[in-house]
N, C-alpha and C. Protein backbone atom coordinates (compact mmCIF):
# COMPACT_ATOMS: atom_id res chain seq x y z
N MET A 1 10.46 -17.23 -33.32
CA MET A 1 11.67 -16.70 -32.74
C MET A 1 11.37 -15.40 -32.01
N GLY A 2 12.19 -15.09 -31.02
CA GLY A 2 12.04 -13.87 -30.25
C GLY A 2 12.64 -12.68 -30.96
N LYS A 3 12.44 -11.52 -30.38
CA LYS A 3 12.98 -10.29 -30.95
C LYS A 3 14.42 -10.08 -30.50
N ARG A 4 15.18 -9.41 -31.36
CA ARG A 4 16.52 -9.01 -31.00
C ARG A 4 16.43 -7.78 -30.11
N PRO A 5 17.42 -7.51 -29.28
CA PRO A 5 17.39 -6.35 -28.38
C PRO A 5 17.10 -5.03 -29.09
N ASP A 6 17.60 -4.86 -30.31
CA ASP A 6 17.38 -3.60 -31.02
C ASP A 6 15.95 -3.47 -31.54
N GLN A 7 15.17 -4.56 -31.50
CA GLN A 7 13.78 -4.52 -31.94
C GLN A 7 12.79 -4.25 -30.80
N LEU A 8 13.27 -4.30 -29.58
CA LEU A 8 12.40 -4.07 -28.44
C LEU A 8 12.11 -2.58 -28.29
N LYS A 9 10.87 -2.27 -27.87
CA LYS A 9 10.50 -0.88 -27.65
C LYS A 9 11.09 -0.40 -26.33
N VAL A 10 11.58 0.82 -26.35
CA VAL A 10 12.12 1.41 -25.14
C VAL A 10 10.94 2.00 -24.36
N ASP A 11 10.93 1.79 -23.06
CA ASP A 11 9.88 2.33 -22.21
C ASP A 11 9.95 3.85 -22.22
N ASP A 12 8.82 4.50 -22.56
CA ASP A 12 8.79 5.96 -22.64
C ASP A 12 8.60 6.62 -21.28
N ARG A 13 8.20 5.86 -20.27
CA ARG A 13 8.00 6.45 -18.94
C ARG A 13 9.34 6.86 -18.35
N GLU A 14 9.26 7.77 -17.38
CA GLU A 14 10.49 8.18 -16.69
C GLU A 14 11.09 6.97 -16.00
N HIS A 15 12.38 6.94 -15.99
CA HIS A 15 13.04 5.82 -15.34
C HIS A 15 12.89 5.94 -13.83
N ARG A 16 12.68 4.85 -13.19
CA ARG A 16 12.53 4.81 -11.74
C ARG A 16 13.87 5.07 -11.07
N ALA A 17 13.83 5.45 -9.82
CA ALA A 17 15.06 5.70 -9.08
C ALA A 17 15.94 4.45 -9.11
N ALA A 18 17.23 4.67 -9.14
CA ALA A 18 18.15 3.54 -9.18
C ALA A 18 18.01 2.70 -7.92
N ASN A 19 17.74 3.35 -6.80
CA ASN A 19 17.54 2.64 -5.54
C ASN A 19 16.06 2.65 -5.22
N VAL A 20 15.44 1.51 -5.27
CA VAL A 20 13.99 1.42 -5.06
C VAL A 20 13.59 1.92 -3.67
N ALA A 21 14.49 1.88 -2.72
CA ALA A 21 14.19 2.34 -1.36
C ALA A 21 13.90 3.84 -1.32
N ASP A 22 14.28 4.57 -2.37
CA ASP A 22 14.01 6.00 -2.44
C ASP A 22 12.62 6.31 -2.98
N GLU A 23 11.95 5.31 -3.50
CA GLU A 23 10.63 5.51 -4.09
C GLU A 23 9.58 5.72 -3.00
N PRO A 24 8.66 6.66 -3.20
CA PRO A 24 7.61 6.91 -2.20
C PRO A 24 6.75 5.67 -1.91
N TRP A 25 6.44 4.88 -2.94
CA TRP A 25 5.61 3.70 -2.72
C TRP A 25 6.32 2.69 -1.82
N PHE A 26 7.65 2.57 -1.98
CA PHE A 26 8.41 1.63 -1.18
C PHE A 26 8.46 2.09 0.27
N GLN A 27 8.68 3.37 0.48
CA GLN A 27 8.71 3.91 1.84
C GLN A 27 7.35 3.74 2.53
N PHE A 28 6.27 3.97 1.78
CA PHE A 28 4.93 3.79 2.32
C PHE A 28 4.69 2.33 2.71
N SER A 29 5.15 1.43 1.87
CA SER A 29 5.01 0.00 2.16
C SER A 29 5.77 -0.38 3.43
N ARG A 30 6.95 0.19 3.62
CA ARG A 30 7.72 -0.07 4.85
C ARG A 30 7.01 0.51 6.07
N GLU A 31 6.34 1.67 5.91
CA GLU A 31 5.56 2.24 7.01
C GLU A 31 4.46 1.28 7.44
N ILE A 32 3.83 0.64 6.47
CA ILE A 32 2.79 -0.34 6.78
C ILE A 32 3.40 -1.52 7.51
N ASP A 33 4.58 -1.97 7.08
CA ASP A 33 5.27 -3.06 7.78
C ASP A 33 5.51 -2.69 9.25
N GLN A 34 5.94 -1.46 9.48
CA GLN A 34 6.20 -1.01 10.85
C GLN A 34 4.94 -1.00 11.69
N LEU A 35 3.82 -0.56 11.11
CA LEU A 35 2.55 -0.57 11.84
C LEU A 35 2.17 -2.00 12.21
N LEU A 36 2.28 -2.90 11.26
CA LEU A 36 1.91 -4.29 11.50
C LEU A 36 2.82 -4.93 12.55
N ALA A 37 4.08 -4.54 12.56
CA ALA A 37 5.04 -5.12 13.51
C ALA A 37 4.73 -4.74 14.96
N THR A 38 4.02 -3.65 15.17
CA THR A 38 3.70 -3.23 16.54
C THR A 38 2.67 -4.15 17.18
N GLY A 39 1.85 -4.80 16.37
CA GLY A 39 0.79 -5.66 16.89
C GLY A 39 -0.42 -4.90 17.40
N GLN A 40 -0.41 -3.58 17.29
CA GLN A 40 -1.51 -2.76 17.79
C GLN A 40 -2.66 -2.61 16.79
N TYR A 41 -2.46 -3.06 15.59
CA TYR A 41 -3.45 -2.84 14.53
C TYR A 41 -3.99 -4.14 13.97
N GLN A 42 -4.12 -5.13 14.83
CA GLN A 42 -4.64 -6.42 14.37
C GLN A 42 -6.05 -6.31 13.82
N TRP A 43 -6.82 -5.37 14.37
CA TRP A 43 -8.19 -5.19 13.91
C TRP A 43 -8.24 -4.70 12.46
N ALA A 44 -7.13 -4.13 11.95
CA ALA A 44 -7.09 -3.62 10.59
C ALA A 44 -6.01 -4.31 9.76
N GLU A 45 -5.54 -5.44 10.23
CA GLU A 45 -4.42 -6.11 9.57
C GLU A 45 -4.71 -6.43 8.11
N GLN A 46 -5.87 -6.99 7.82
CA GLN A 46 -6.17 -7.37 6.43
C GLN A 46 -6.26 -6.14 5.53
N THR A 47 -6.84 -5.06 6.04
CA THR A 47 -6.92 -3.83 5.25
C THR A 47 -5.53 -3.30 4.94
N LEU A 48 -4.67 -3.27 5.95
CA LEU A 48 -3.30 -2.81 5.74
C LEU A 48 -2.56 -3.69 4.74
N LEU A 49 -2.73 -4.99 4.85
CA LEU A 49 -2.08 -5.91 3.90
C LEU A 49 -2.60 -5.72 2.48
N ASP A 50 -3.91 -5.48 2.35
CA ASP A 50 -4.49 -5.24 1.03
C ASP A 50 -3.95 -3.95 0.41
N ILE A 51 -3.86 -2.90 1.23
CA ILE A 51 -3.32 -1.64 0.74
C ILE A 51 -1.86 -1.83 0.32
N GLN A 52 -1.10 -2.52 1.16
CA GLN A 52 0.31 -2.77 0.85
C GLN A 52 0.46 -3.56 -0.45
N GLU A 53 -0.36 -4.57 -0.62
CA GLU A 53 -0.28 -5.38 -1.84
C GLU A 53 -0.56 -4.54 -3.08
N THR A 54 -1.55 -3.69 -3.01
CA THR A 54 -1.90 -2.83 -4.14
C THR A 54 -0.78 -1.84 -4.45
N VAL A 55 -0.23 -1.24 -3.41
CA VAL A 55 0.86 -0.28 -3.59
C VAL A 55 2.06 -0.96 -4.24
N GLU A 56 2.40 -2.15 -3.80
CA GLU A 56 3.55 -2.85 -4.36
C GLU A 56 3.28 -3.35 -5.78
N ARG A 57 2.03 -3.63 -6.09
CA ARG A 57 1.69 -4.09 -7.44
C ARG A 57 1.70 -2.92 -8.43
N THR A 58 1.18 -1.76 -8.01
CA THR A 58 1.08 -0.61 -8.91
C THR A 58 2.29 0.32 -8.85
N LEU A 59 3.12 0.15 -7.83
CA LEU A 59 4.30 1.01 -7.63
C LEU A 59 3.89 2.48 -7.49
N ALA A 60 2.74 2.69 -6.84
CA ALA A 60 2.23 4.05 -6.64
C ALA A 60 1.39 4.08 -5.37
N VAL A 61 1.28 5.26 -4.78
CA VAL A 61 0.47 5.46 -3.58
C VAL A 61 -0.55 6.55 -3.89
N THR A 62 -1.82 6.30 -3.58
CA THR A 62 -2.85 7.30 -3.80
C THR A 62 -3.12 8.07 -2.51
N PRO A 63 -3.68 9.26 -2.62
CA PRO A 63 -4.05 10.01 -1.42
C PRO A 63 -5.05 9.22 -0.55
N GLY A 64 -5.93 8.47 -1.18
CA GLY A 64 -6.89 7.67 -0.43
C GLY A 64 -6.23 6.58 0.40
N GLN A 65 -5.19 5.97 -0.14
CA GLN A 65 -4.46 4.95 0.60
C GLN A 65 -3.73 5.57 1.78
N ARG A 66 -3.15 6.73 1.55
CA ARG A 66 -2.47 7.43 2.66
C ARG A 66 -3.47 7.79 3.76
N GLN A 67 -4.66 8.28 3.36
CA GLN A 67 -5.67 8.66 4.33
C GLN A 67 -6.17 7.45 5.10
N ALA A 68 -6.35 6.34 4.42
CA ALA A 68 -6.83 5.12 5.09
C ALA A 68 -5.84 4.65 6.15
N VAL A 69 -4.56 4.66 5.81
CA VAL A 69 -3.54 4.23 6.78
C VAL A 69 -3.46 5.23 7.94
N GLU A 70 -3.58 6.51 7.63
CA GLU A 70 -3.57 7.52 8.69
C GLU A 70 -4.77 7.32 9.63
N ASN A 71 -5.93 7.03 9.06
CA ASN A 71 -7.11 6.77 9.89
C ASN A 71 -6.90 5.56 10.79
N ILE A 72 -6.28 4.54 10.26
CA ILE A 72 -6.00 3.34 11.05
C ILE A 72 -5.02 3.68 12.17
N GLU A 73 -3.99 4.44 11.85
CA GLU A 73 -3.02 4.85 12.87
C GLU A 73 -3.69 5.63 14.00
N ASN A 74 -4.65 6.45 13.63
CA ASN A 74 -5.35 7.27 14.62
C ASN A 74 -6.48 6.50 15.31
N GLY A 75 -6.66 5.25 14.92
CA GLY A 75 -7.69 4.43 15.54
C GLY A 75 -9.08 4.75 15.05
N THR A 76 -9.19 5.42 13.94
CA THR A 76 -10.48 5.81 13.38
C THR A 76 -11.10 4.63 12.64
N ARG A 77 -12.30 4.31 13.02
CA ARG A 77 -13.04 3.25 12.32
C ARG A 77 -14.25 3.88 11.67
N SER A 78 -14.69 3.28 10.60
CA SER A 78 -15.85 3.84 9.91
C SER A 78 -17.13 3.54 10.68
N ARG A 79 -18.13 4.33 10.46
CA ARG A 79 -19.43 4.08 11.08
C ARG A 79 -19.96 2.73 10.67
N ARG A 80 -19.76 2.38 9.42
CA ARG A 80 -20.26 1.10 8.93
C ARG A 80 -19.64 -0.05 9.71
N TYR A 81 -18.34 0.04 9.95
CA TYR A 81 -17.65 -1.00 10.70
C TYR A 81 -18.18 -1.07 12.13
N ASP A 82 -18.31 0.09 12.79
CA ASP A 82 -18.80 0.12 14.16
C ASP A 82 -20.21 -0.43 14.26
N GLY A 83 -21.05 -0.08 13.31
CA GLY A 83 -22.42 -0.59 13.31
C GLY A 83 -22.46 -2.10 13.15
N PHE A 84 -21.61 -2.60 12.30
CA PHE A 84 -21.55 -4.05 12.08
C PHE A 84 -21.11 -4.76 13.35
N ARG A 85 -20.14 -4.20 14.03
CA ARG A 85 -19.62 -4.81 15.25
C ARG A 85 -20.68 -4.84 16.35
N ARG A 86 -21.40 -3.74 16.52
CA ARG A 86 -22.42 -3.67 17.58
C ARG A 86 -23.57 -4.65 17.31
N ARG A 87 -23.88 -4.86 16.08
CA ARG A 87 -25.01 -5.70 15.72
C ARG A 87 -24.82 -7.15 16.19
N TYR A 88 -23.60 -7.63 16.20
CA TYR A 88 -23.34 -9.04 16.50
C TYR A 88 -22.72 -9.27 17.85
N ARG A 89 -22.81 -8.33 18.74
CA ARG A 89 -22.27 -8.52 20.09
C ARG A 89 -23.24 -9.22 20.96
């Protein structure tokens, strides 16, 4: 048999905002949607989708994720990526 409601443990974490749209992770995810909608970032589409998936799964945004998206917005590619591209041209 299952537990009665009074037997369930109450979550000790802070309660999330009543409106999920106010959460920083949600706003960041929508920013990624907007970037993808422009069609200008097809070269980084999978990276953006992977970052978005992780943010939505963890309900949190890391400074590294923010920096990665900012780099993509600025058109910054890593040296490793550029080297890989030149090798197979």
